[in-house]
Amino acid sequence: MSLKIRLSRGGAKKRPFYRIVVAESRFARDGRFVEKVGTLDPMLQKDDPKRVVLNVERIKHWLGVGALPTDRLAREFSKLGLVQEPKRHEQTKQHLPKAKAQERMKAANEAAAKAAEA
């Protein structure tokens, strides 16, 4: 039985509201859960204290038992010092021009700079 601390979606269409729950990993996202340990309201401003409401004691308990938070919740918990901040992967470079195109752009920029000086 692997436990996860994750978000369970509620709210109306285009008005999300999430419960932070401890659930077994094989259960559905909005299905059965063991315990509700907080709420997340993404419609509120980021600095609003009601945006994220947590029961810190219960979260510490479940982390001690071995429950793993999702990436999104790990970032929230790291702000409180409950877990280490997860590693952020670098963006891929696929959207950038290839090497020859970058050289041509660099040469064109240098030529434009020299023309502007003269």
N, C-alpha and C. Protein backbone atom coordinates (compact mmCIF):
# COMPACT_ATOMS: atom_id res chain seq x y z
N MET A 1 0.85 -1.18 0.00
CA MET A 1 0.00 0.00 0.00
C MET A 1 0.89 1.24 0.00
N SER A 2 1.03 1.88 -1.17
CA SER A 2 1.83 3.10 -1.23
C SER A 2 0.89 4.30 -1.16
N LEU A 3 1.17 5.15 -0.19
CA LEU A 3 0.33 6.32 0.03
C LEU A 3 0.91 7.54 -0.66
N LYS A 4 0.04 8.38 -1.17
CA LYS A 4 0.42 9.63 -1.80
C LYS A 4 -0.35 10.76 -1.14
N ILE A 5 0.31 11.90 -1.00
CA ILE A 5 -0.38 13.12 -0.61
C ILE A 5 -0.58 13.87 -1.91
N ARG A 6 -1.83 14.04 -2.32
CA ARG A 6 -2.10 14.61 -3.64
C ARG A 6 -3.35 15.46 -3.63
N LEU A 7 -3.62 16.06 -4.78
CA LEU A 7 -4.78 16.93 -4.93
C LEU A 7 -5.97 16.15 -5.46
N SER A 8 -7.13 16.45 -4.93
CA SER A 8 -8.38 15.89 -5.41
C SER A 8 -9.25 17.06 -5.85
N ARG A 9 -9.65 17.07 -7.13
CA ARG A 9 -10.32 18.24 -7.69
C ARG A 9 -11.79 18.28 -7.32
N GLY A 10 -12.23 19.49 -7.05
CA GLY A 10 -13.63 19.77 -6.81
C GLY A 10 -13.96 21.09 -7.48
N GLY A 11 -15.11 21.63 -7.21
CA GLY A 11 -15.49 22.91 -7.78
C GLY A 11 -16.18 22.76 -9.11
N ALA A 12 -16.65 23.87 -9.63
CA ALA A 12 -17.40 23.88 -10.87
C ALA A 12 -16.47 23.93 -12.08
N LYS A 13 -17.06 23.87 -13.24
CA LYS A 13 -16.30 23.95 -14.48
C LYS A 13 -15.59 25.30 -14.55
N LYS A 14 -14.31 25.27 -14.81
CA LYS A 14 -13.44 26.45 -14.90
C LYS A 14 -13.33 27.22 -13.59
N ARG A 15 -13.72 26.63 -12.48
CA ARG A 15 -13.57 27.22 -11.15
C ARG A 15 -13.03 26.14 -10.22
N PRO A 16 -11.76 25.75 -10.39
CA PRO A 16 -11.23 24.62 -9.62
C PRO A 16 -11.08 24.92 -8.13
N PHE A 17 -11.21 23.88 -7.37
CA PHE A 17 -10.96 23.90 -5.93
C PHE A 17 -10.41 22.52 -5.60
N TYR A 18 -9.32 22.47 -4.87
CA TYR A 18 -8.68 21.18 -4.61
C TYR A 18 -8.65 20.88 -3.12
N ARG A 19 -8.91 19.61 -2.79
CA ARG A 19 -8.67 19.11 -1.44
C ARG A 19 -7.31 18.44 -1.46
N ILE A 20 -6.54 18.64 -0.43
CA ILE A 20 -5.26 17.94 -0.29
C ILE A 20 -5.56 16.71 0.56
N VAL A 21 -5.36 15.54 -0.06
CA VAL A 21 -5.76 14.30 0.59
C VAL A 21 -4.60 13.31 0.62
N VAL A 22 -4.70 12.38 1.54
CA VAL A 22 -3.80 11.22 1.59
C VAL A 22 -4.61 10.06 1.02
N ALA A 23 -4.09 9.49 -0.08
CA ALA A 23 -4.82 8.41 -0.74
C ALA A 23 -3.84 7.34 -1.18
N GLU A 24 -4.36 6.14 -1.36
CA GLU A 24 -3.55 5.08 -1.92
C GLU A 24 -3.31 5.40 -3.39
N SER A 25 -2.13 5.12 -3.89
CA SER A 25 -1.75 5.56 -5.23
C SER A 25 -2.61 4.95 -6.33
N ARG A 26 -3.19 3.80 -6.10
CA ARG A 26 -3.97 3.16 -7.17
C ARG A 26 -5.41 3.63 -7.23
N PHE A 27 -5.85 4.43 -6.27
CA PHE A 27 -7.21 4.95 -6.30
C PHE A 27 -7.32 6.10 -7.29
N ALA A 28 -8.54 6.35 -7.77
CA ALA A 28 -8.78 7.42 -8.73
C ALA A 28 -8.49 8.79 -8.11
N ARG A 29 -8.23 9.76 -8.98
CA ARG A 29 -7.88 11.11 -8.52
C ARG A 29 -8.94 11.68 -7.57
N ASP A 30 -10.19 11.58 -7.95
CA ASP A 30 -11.26 12.12 -7.12
C ASP A 30 -12.00 11.04 -6.35
N GLY A 31 -11.38 9.88 -6.25
CA GLY A 31 -12.03 8.75 -5.60
C GLY A 31 -11.78 8.70 -4.12
N ARG A 32 -11.69 7.46 -3.62
CA ARG A 32 -11.53 7.21 -2.20
C ARG A 32 -10.22 7.78 -1.68
N PHE A 33 -10.22 8.26 -0.46
CA PHE A 33 -9.00 8.73 0.18
C PHE A 33 -9.03 8.36 1.65
N VAL A 34 -7.84 8.41 2.26
CA VAL A 34 -7.72 8.03 3.66
C VAL A 34 -8.08 9.19 4.56
N GLU A 35 -7.51 10.38 4.26
CA GLU A 35 -7.74 11.53 5.13
C GLU A 35 -7.55 12.82 4.35
N LYS A 36 -8.37 13.81 4.66
CA LYS A 36 -8.22 15.14 4.08
C LYS A 36 -7.32 15.94 5.00
N VAL A 37 -6.23 16.51 4.43
CA VAL A 37 -5.27 17.24 5.27
C VAL A 37 -5.15 18.71 4.90
N GLY A 38 -5.96 19.19 3.96
CA GLY A 38 -5.91 20.61 3.63
C GLY A 38 -6.68 20.93 2.37
N THR A 39 -6.61 22.20 1.97
CA THR A 39 -7.28 22.66 0.76
C THR A 39 -6.36 23.60 -0.01
N LEU A 40 -6.63 23.70 -1.32
CA LEU A 40 -5.92 24.62 -2.20
C LEU A 40 -6.96 25.28 -3.10
N ASP A 41 -6.99 26.61 -3.08
CA ASP A 41 -7.91 27.36 -3.93
C ASP A 41 -7.09 28.21 -4.90
N PRO A 42 -6.84 27.72 -6.12
CA PRO A 42 -6.00 28.45 -7.06
C PRO A 42 -6.63 29.72 -7.61
N MET A 43 -7.91 29.95 -7.34
CA MET A 43 -8.58 31.16 -7.82
C MET A 43 -8.24 32.38 -6.97
N LEU A 44 -7.70 32.17 -5.79
CA LEU A 44 -7.31 33.29 -4.92
C LEU A 44 -5.91 33.77 -5.29
N GLN A 45 -5.58 34.99 -4.86
CA GLN A 45 -4.25 35.56 -5.12
C GLN A 45 -3.19 34.73 -4.42
N LYS A 46 -1.96 34.77 -4.96
CA LYS A 46 -0.88 33.94 -4.41
C LYS A 46 -0.52 34.32 -2.98
N ASP A 47 -0.72 35.58 -2.59
CA ASP A 47 -0.36 35.99 -1.24
C ASP A 47 -1.53 35.88 -0.24
N ASP A 48 -2.67 35.40 -0.68
CA ASP A 48 -3.82 35.23 0.19
C ASP A 48 -3.59 34.05 1.13
N PRO A 49 -3.78 34.24 2.44
CA PRO A 49 -3.53 33.14 3.39
C PRO A 49 -4.52 31.98 3.24
N LYS A 50 -5.69 32.21 2.64
CA LYS A 50 -6.68 31.15 2.47
C LYS A 50 -6.44 30.34 1.20
N ARG A 51 -5.45 30.72 0.40
CA ARG A 51 -5.17 29.98 -0.84
C ARG A 51 -4.78 28.54 -0.52
N VAL A 52 -3.85 28.37 0.42
CA VAL A 52 -3.43 27.03 0.84
C VAL A 52 -3.65 26.92 2.34
N VAL A 53 -4.52 26.00 2.74
CA VAL A 53 -4.80 25.74 4.16
C VAL A 53 -4.36 24.32 4.43
N LEU A 54 -3.42 24.15 5.39
CA LEU A 54 -2.86 22.83 5.67
C LEU A 54 -3.00 22.47 7.13
N ASN A 55 -3.18 21.19 7.40
CA ASN A 55 -3.11 20.65 8.75
C ASN A 55 -1.70 20.09 8.89
N VAL A 56 -0.77 20.92 9.34
CA VAL A 56 0.66 20.60 9.33
C VAL A 56 0.97 19.38 10.19
N GLU A 57 0.31 19.23 11.32
CA GLU A 57 0.58 18.08 12.20
C GLU A 57 0.28 16.77 11.48
N ARG A 58 -0.86 16.70 10.81
CA ARG A 58 -1.24 15.47 10.12
C ARG A 58 -0.33 15.21 8.91
N ILE A 59 0.09 16.28 8.24
CA ILE A 59 1.00 16.10 7.10
C ILE A 59 2.32 15.55 7.58
N LYS A 60 2.83 16.07 8.70
CA LYS A 60 4.08 15.54 9.26
C LYS A 60 3.92 14.07 9.62
N HIS A 61 2.76 13.72 10.18
CA HIS A 61 2.51 12.32 10.52
C HIS A 61 2.57 11.44 9.28
N TRP A 62 1.86 11.83 8.23
CA TRP A 62 1.81 11.00 7.03
C TRP A 62 3.16 10.95 6.31
N LEU A 63 3.91 12.03 6.34
CA LEU A 63 5.25 12.00 5.76
C LEU A 63 6.14 11.05 6.56
N GLY A 64 5.97 11.04 7.88
CA GLY A 64 6.73 10.13 8.73
C GLY A 64 6.39 8.68 8.49
N VAL A 65 5.15 8.41 8.13
CA VAL A 65 4.70 7.04 7.86
C VAL A 65 5.21 6.56 6.51
N GLY A 66 5.52 7.51 5.62
CA GLY A 66 6.06 7.11 4.32
C GLY A 66 5.26 7.58 3.13
N ALA A 67 4.27 8.43 3.34
CA ALA A 67 3.49 8.96 2.22
C ALA A 67 4.35 9.93 1.41
N LEU A 68 4.23 9.88 0.10
CA LEU A 68 5.01 10.74 -0.78
C LEU A 68 4.12 11.83 -1.37
N PRO A 69 4.54 13.10 -1.28
CA PRO A 69 3.75 14.16 -1.89
C PRO A 69 4.00 14.23 -3.39
N THR A 70 3.02 14.72 -4.14
CA THR A 70 3.22 14.95 -5.57
C THR A 70 4.16 16.14 -5.74
N ASP A 71 4.63 16.36 -6.95
CA ASP A 71 5.58 17.46 -7.20
C ASP A 71 4.99 18.81 -6.80
N ARG A 72 3.76 19.03 -7.18
CA ARG A 72 3.10 20.30 -6.87
C ARG A 72 3.03 20.53 -5.36
N LEU A 73 2.64 19.51 -4.62
CA LEU A 73 2.54 19.65 -3.17
C LEU A 73 3.90 19.69 -2.51
N ALA A 74 4.90 19.01 -3.09
CA ALA A 74 6.25 19.07 -2.53
C ALA A 74 6.76 20.50 -2.56
N ARG A 75 6.42 21.25 -3.62
CA ARG A 75 6.82 22.66 -3.69
C ARG A 75 6.14 23.46 -2.59
N GLU A 76 4.86 23.20 -2.35
CA GLU A 76 4.14 23.91 -1.29
C GLU A 76 4.71 23.55 0.09
N PHE A 77 4.98 22.25 0.30
CA PHE A 77 5.50 21.81 1.59
C PHE A 77 6.92 22.32 1.83
N SER A 78 7.70 22.49 0.77
CA SER A 78 9.07 22.97 0.94
C SER A 78 9.09 24.42 1.43
N LYS A 79 8.06 25.19 1.10
CA LYS A 79 7.95 26.56 1.60
C LYS A 79 7.79 26.58 3.11
N LEU A 80 7.19 25.53 3.66
CA LEU A 80 6.99 25.41 5.11
C LEU A 80 8.12 24.65 5.79
N GLY A 81 9.04 24.10 4.99
CA GLY A 81 10.15 23.35 5.55
C GLY A 81 9.82 21.91 5.90
N LEU A 82 8.74 21.38 5.36
CA LEU A 82 8.36 19.99 5.66
C LEU A 82 9.18 18.99 4.86
N VAL A 83 9.51 19.32 3.61
CA VAL A 83 10.30 18.45 2.75
C VAL A 83 11.31 19.31 1.99
N GLN A 84 12.29 18.63 1.39
CA GLN A 84 13.24 19.36 0.55
C GLN A 84 12.57 19.75 -0.75
N GLU A 85 13.00 20.88 -1.30
CA GLU A 85 12.41 21.32 -2.56
C GLU A 85 12.80 20.35 -3.67
N PRO A 86 11.83 19.93 -4.49
CA PRO A 86 12.15 18.96 -5.54
C PRO A 86 13.03 19.60 -6.62
N LYS A 87 13.80 18.75 -7.28
CA LYS A 87 14.66 19.24 -8.35
C LYS A 87 13.80 19.70 -9.51
N ARG A 88 14.21 20.80 -10.13
CA ARG A 88 13.52 21.29 -11.32
C ARG A 88 14.38 20.95 -12.51
N HIS A 89 13.78 20.30 -13.47
CA HIS A 89 14.51 19.90 -14.65
C HIS A 89 14.62 21.09 -15.61
N GLU A 90 15.78 21.18 -16.27
CA GLU A 90 15.98 22.26 -17.21
C GLU A 90 15.11 22.04 -18.45
N GLN A 91 14.74 23.15 -19.07
CA GLN A 91 13.98 23.05 -20.31
C GLN A 91 14.84 22.46 -21.40
N THR A 92 14.22 21.78 -22.33
CA THR A 92 14.97 21.25 -23.46
C THR A 92 15.39 22.38 -24.38
N LYS A 93 16.37 22.13 -25.20
CA LYS A 93 16.89 23.15 -26.11
C LYS A 93 16.32 22.98 -27.52
N GLN A 94 15.31 22.15 -27.69
CA GLN A 94 14.77 21.84 -29.00
C GLN A 94 14.14 23.05 -29.68
N HIS A 95 13.65 24.00 -28.91
CA HIS A 95 12.99 25.14 -29.50
C HIS A 95 13.98 26.17 -30.06
N LEU A 96 15.26 26.04 -29.70
CA LEU A 96 16.28 26.99 -30.18
C LEU A 96 16.72 26.64 -31.59
N PRO A 97 17.19 27.64 -32.36
CA PRO A 97 17.74 27.35 -33.69
C PRO A 97 18.97 26.47 -33.57
N LYS A 98 19.27 25.75 -34.65
CA LYS A 98 20.43 24.85 -34.65
C LYS A 98 21.72 25.66 -34.71
N ALA A 99 22.88 25.00 -34.63
CA ALA A 99 24.18 25.66 -34.50
C ALA A 99 24.49 26.60 -35.67
N LYS A 100 24.28 26.16 -36.90
CA LYS A 100 24.61 26.99 -38.06
C LYS A 100 23.72 28.23 -38.11
N ALA A 101 22.47 28.07 -37.78
CA ALA A 101 21.56 29.21 -37.77
C ALA A 101 21.96 30.21 -36.70
N GLN A 102 22.42 29.73 -35.55
CA GLN A 102 22.88 30.62 -34.48
C GLN A 102 24.12 31.39 -34.92
N GLU A 103 25.05 30.71 -35.63
CA GLU A 103 26.25 31.38 -36.13
C GLU A 103 25.87 32.48 -37.12
N ARG A 104 24.95 32.20 -38.03
CA ARG A 104 24.51 33.20 -39.00
C ARG A 104 23.85 34.39 -38.30
N MET A 105 23.04 34.12 -37.29
CA MET A 105 22.39 35.21 -36.55
C MET A 105 23.42 36.04 -35.81
N LYS A 106 24.42 35.39 -35.24
CA LYS A 106 25.48 36.10 -34.52
C LYS A 106 26.27 36.99 -35.48
N ALA A 107 26.61 36.47 -36.66
CA ALA A 107 27.35 37.24 -37.67
C ALA A 107 26.51 38.42 -38.15
N ALA A 108 25.24 38.22 -38.34
CA ALA A 108 24.37 39.30 -38.79
C ALA A 108 24.24 40.40 -37.71
N ASN A 109 24.17 40.00 -36.44
CA ASN A 109 24.10 40.96 -35.35
C ASN A 109 25.39 41.76 -35.24
N GLU A 110 26.54 41.10 -35.41
CA GLU A 110 27.82 41.80 -35.36
C GLU A 110 27.95 42.78 -36.53
N ALA A 111 27.50 42.38 -37.72
CA ALA A 111 27.54 43.28 -38.89
C ALA A 111 26.63 44.47 -38.66
N ALA A 112 25.48 44.26 -38.07
CA ALA A 112 24.55 45.36 -37.80
C ALA A 112 25.15 46.31 -36.77
N ALA A 113 25.86 45.77 -35.78
CA ALA A 113 26.49 46.60 -34.76
C ALA A 113 27.60 47.46 -35.36
N LYS A 114 28.40 46.86 -36.25
CA LYS A 114 29.47 47.62 -36.91
C LYS A 114 28.90 48.71 -37.79
N ALA A 115 27.82 48.42 -38.48
CA ALA A 115 27.18 49.42 -39.35
C ALA A 115 26.61 50.57 -38.51
N ALA A 116 26.11 50.26 -37.34
CA ALA A 116 25.55 51.29 -36.47
C ALA A 116 26.64 52.19 -35.91
N GLU A 117 27.84 51.65 -35.67
CA GLU A 117 28.96 52.42 -35.16
C GLU A 117 29.48 53.39 -36.21
N ALA A 118 29.47 52.95 -37.46
CA ALA A 118 30.04 53.78 -38.54
C ALA A 118 29.13 54.89 -38.98
